[in-house]
Amino acid sequence: MAVGGGLTYLTQRTTQRAADRAEERRRAAALAEERRAEHIRTVLEFVRCALEAEGVAHARPPRWEVGDEWYRTARPAMDGLRIAENGVQLLCAPGLHAPATAPTPAP
């Protein structure tokens, strides 16, 4: 009887440990996927803000002053771009920041 009980205990313990390891792997994979999705959202927001700021920059008149209509449009776009850039710096891998903020080559 003692041998049967011991085998049952070892079987249950081994099964539980395997289940615990599988659950830990599942949790780690889920966390990695959540982080990946957050990084993608952060980069997409940066790209959206960069495109908005680029559009505002192209609309810049030859002469402008702080407070005129173009500046009132440009200021929020540039602030949004800076905030999005900081998000990339905080959340994404260091190697992603340099390519994300590199100036685009002139055509």
C-alpha atoms as a PDB file:
ATOM      1  CA  MET A   1       0.000   0.000   0.000  1.00  0.00           C
ATOM      2  CA  ALA A   2       2.753   2.417   0.894  1.00  0.00           C
ATOM      3  CA  VAL A   3       4.389   1.887  -2.490  1.00  0.00           C
ATOM      4  CA  GLY A   4       1.120   2.592  -4.315  1.00  0.00           C
ATOM      5  CA  GLY A   5       0.531   5.737  -2.246  1.00  0.00           C
ATOM      6  CA  GLY A   6       4.082   6.911  -2.865  1.00  0.00           C
ATOM      7  CA  LEU A   7       3.755   6.364  -6.605  1.00  0.00           C
ATOM      8  CA  THR A   8       0.432   8.193  -6.650  1.00  0.00           C
ATOM      9  CA  TYR A   9       1.983  11.099  -4.749  1.00  0.00           C
ATOM     10  CA  LEU A  10       4.982  11.282  -7.123  1.00  0.00           C
ATOM     11  CA  THR A  11       2.716  11.093 -10.166  1.00  0.00           C
ATOM     12  CA  GLN A  12       0.488  13.873  -8.860  1.00  0.00           C
ATOM     13  CA  ARG A  13       3.460  16.026  -7.892  1.00  0.00           C
ATOM     14  CA  THR A  14       5.137  15.560 -11.275  1.00  0.00           C
ATOM     15  CA  THR A  15       1.887  16.332 -13.079  1.00  0.00           C
ATOM     16  CA  GLN A  16       1.329  19.470 -10.983  1.00  0.00           C
ATOM     17  CA  ARG A  17       4.876  20.694 -11.569  1.00  0.00           C
ATOM     18  CA  ALA A  18       4.499  20.162 -15.312  1.00  0.00           C
ATOM     19  CA  ALA A  19       1.178  22.022 -15.261  1.00  0.00           C
ATOM     20  CA  ASP A  20       2.764  24.871 -13.273  1.00  0.00           C
ATOM     21  CA  ARG A  21       5.626  25.158 -15.761  1.00  0.00           C
ATOM     22  CA  ALA A  22       3.193  25.142 -18.697  1.00  0.00           C
ATOM     23  CA  GLU A  23       1.109  27.873 -17.031  1.00  0.00           C
ATOM     24  CA  GLU A  24       4.224  29.974 -16.401  1.00  0.00           C
ATOM     25  CA  ARG A  25       5.240  29.621 -20.068  1.00  0.00           C
ATOM     26  CA  ARG A  26       1.724  30.608 -21.133  1.00  0.00           C
ATOM     27  CA  ARG A  27       1.815  33.687 -18.873  1.00  0.00           C
ATOM     28  CA  ALA A  28       5.258  34.686 -20.154  1.00  0.00           C
ATOM     29  CA  ALA A  29       4.102  34.331 -23.765  1.00  0.00           C
ATOM     30  CA  ALA A  30       0.968  36.395 -23.061  1.00  0.00           C
ATOM     31  CA  LEU A  31       3.030  39.123 -21.392  1.00  0.00           C
ATOM     32  CA  ALA A  32       5.488  39.183 -24.295  1.00  0.00           C
ATOM     33  CA  GLU A  33       2.596  39.525 -26.755  1.00  0.00           C
ATOM     34  CA  GLU A  34       1.068  42.376 -24.717  1.00  0.00           C
ATOM     35  CA  ARG A  35       4.405  44.196 -24.698  1.00  0.00           C
ATOM     36  CA  ARG A  36       4.819  43.647 -28.431  1.00  0.00           C
ATOM     37  CA  ALA A  37       1.336  45.050 -29.085  1.00  0.00           C
ATOM     38  CA  GLU A  38       2.107  48.068 -26.884  1.00  0.00           C
ATOM     39  CA  HIS A  39       5.351  48.696 -28.783  1.00  0.00           C
ATOM     40  CA  ILE A  40       3.511  48.502 -32.097  1.00  0.00           C
ATOM     41  CA  ARG A  41       0.853  50.968 -30.879  1.00  0.00           C
ATOM     42  CA  THR A  42       3.599  53.311 -29.650  1.00  0.00           C
ATOM     43  CA  VAL A  43       5.466  53.244 -32.952  1.00  0.00           C
ATOM     44  CA  LEU A  44       2.251  53.704 -34.944  1.00  0.00           C
ATOM     45  CA  GLU A  45       1.327  56.712 -32.808  1.00  0.00           C
ATOM     46  CA  PHE A  46       4.793  58.157 -33.415  1.00  0.00           C
ATOM     47  CA  VAL A  47       4.411  57.654 -37.175  1.00  0.00           C
ATOM     48  CA  ARG A  48       0.931  59.261 -37.110  1.00  0.00           C
ATOM     49  CA  CYS A  49       2.272  62.279 -35.211  1.00  0.00           C
ATOM     50  CA  ALA A  50       5.293  62.531 -37.531  1.00  0.00           C
ATOM     51  CA  LEU A  51       3.037  62.567 -40.596  1.00  0.00           C
ATOM     52  CA  GLU A  52       0.829  65.222 -39.024  1.00  0.00           C
ATOM     53  CA  ALA A  53       3.857  67.366 -38.150  1.00  0.00           C
ATOM     54  CA  GLU A  54       5.246  66.889 -41.663  1.00  0.00           C
ATOM     55  CA  GLY A  55       1.966  68.084 -43.148  1.00  0.00           C
ATOM     56  CA  VAL A  56       1.991  71.152 -40.919  1.00  0.00           C
ATOM     57  CA  ALA A  57       5.627  71.845 -41.838  1.00  0.00           C
ATOM     58  CA  HIS A  58       4.813  71.705 -45.565  1.00  0.00           C
ATOM     59  CA  ALA A  59       2.026  74.238 -45.014  1.00  0.00           C
ATOM     60  CA  ARG A  60       4.394  76.705 -43.337  1.00  0.00           C
ATOM     61  CA  PRO A  61       4.235  80.120 -44.924  1.00  0.00           C
ATOM     62  CA  PRO A  62       7.485  81.846 -45.903  1.00  0.00           C
ATOM     63  CA  ARG A  63       7.011  84.318 -43.049  1.00  0.00           C
ATOM     64  CA  TRP A  64       5.320  83.499 -39.809  1.00  0.00           C
ATOM     65  CA  GLU A  65       5.260  84.685 -36.237  1.00  0.00           C
ATOM     66  CA  VAL A  66       4.453  83.127 -32.911  1.00  0.00           C
ATOM     67  CA  GLY A  67       0.707  83.357 -32.450  1.00  0.00           C
ATOM     68  CA  ASP A  68      -0.381  83.446 -36.084  1.00  0.00           C
ATOM     69  CA  GLU A  69      -2.677  80.793 -37.555  1.00  0.00           C
ATOM     70  CA  TRP A  70       0.079  78.505 -38.825  1.00  0.00           C
ATOM     71  CA  TYR A  71       1.846  78.549 -35.459  1.00  0.00           C
ATOM     72  CA  ARG A  72      -1.388  77.711 -33.614  1.00  0.00           C
ATOM     73  CA  THR A  73      -1.692  74.630 -35.859  1.00  0.00           C
ATOM     74  CA  ALA A  74       1.993  73.707 -35.754  1.00  0.00           C
ATOM     75  CA  ARG A  75       2.458  73.929 -32.001  1.00  0.00           C
ATOM     76  CA  PRO A  76       0.073  71.082 -31.032  1.00  0.00           C
ATOM     77  CA  ALA A  77       1.433  68.928 -33.864  1.00  0.00           C
ATOM     78  CA  MET A  78       5.015  69.413 -32.691  1.00  0.00           C
ATOM     79  CA  ASP A  79       4.059  68.843 -29.051  1.00  0.00           C
ATOM     80  CA  GLY A  80       2.317  65.610 -30.051  1.00  0.00           C
ATOM     81  CA  LEU A  81       5.384  64.509 -31.982  1.00  0.00           C
ATOM     82  CA  ARG A  82       7.661  65.153 -28.991  1.00  0.00           C
ATOM     83  CA  ILE A  83       5.335  63.216 -26.693  1.00  0.00           C
ATOM     84  CA  ALA A  84       5.160  60.306 -29.146  1.00  0.00           C
ATOM     85  CA  GLU A  85       8.962  60.324 -29.487  1.00  0.00           C
ATOM     86  CA  ASN A  86       9.299  60.090 -25.714  1.00  0.00           C
ATOM     87  CA  GLY A  87       6.938  57.102 -25.788  1.00  0.00           C
ATOM     88  CA  VAL A  88       9.231  55.377 -28.260  1.00  0.00           C
ATOM     89  CA  GLN A  89      12.213  56.128 -26.025  1.00  0.00           C
ATOM     90  CA  LEU A  90      10.480  54.799 -22.909  1.00  0.00           C
ATOM     91  CA  LEU A  91       8.823  51.669 -24.241  1.00  0.00           C
ATOM     92  CA  CYS A  92      10.799  50.460 -27.192  1.00  0.00           C
ATOM     93  CA  ALA A  93      14.208  48.920 -27.579  1.00  0.00           C
ATOM     94  CA  PRO A  94      17.078  51.419 -27.664  1.00  0.00           C
ATOM     95  CA  GLY A  95      17.946  50.311 -31.196  1.00  0.00           C
ATOM     96  CA  LEU A  96      14.513  51.422 -32.432  1.00  0.00           C
ATOM     97  CA  HIS A  97      14.800  55.046 -31.320  1.00  0.00           C
ATOM     98  CA  ALA A  98      17.574  56.086 -33.723  1.00  0.00           C
ATOM     99  CA  PRO A  99      15.877  54.788 -36.908  1.00  0.00           C
ATOM    100  CA  ALA A 100      12.499  56.151 -35.786  1.00  0.00           C
ATOM    101  CA  THR A 101      13.878  59.673 -35.380  1.00  0.00           C
ATOM    102  CA  ALA A 102      16.447  59.748 -38.184  1.00  0.00           C
ATOM    103  CA  PRO A 103      15.809  62.463 -40.760  1.00  0.00           C
ATOM    104  CA  THR A 104      14.492  61.186 -44.038  1.00  0.00           C
ATOM    105  CA  PRO A 105      16.895  61.573 -46.952  1.00  0.00           C
ATOM    106  CA  ALA A 106      16.065  64.274 -49.462  1.00  0.00           C
ATOM    107  CA  PRO A 107      14.694  62.933 -52.764  1.00  0.00           C
END
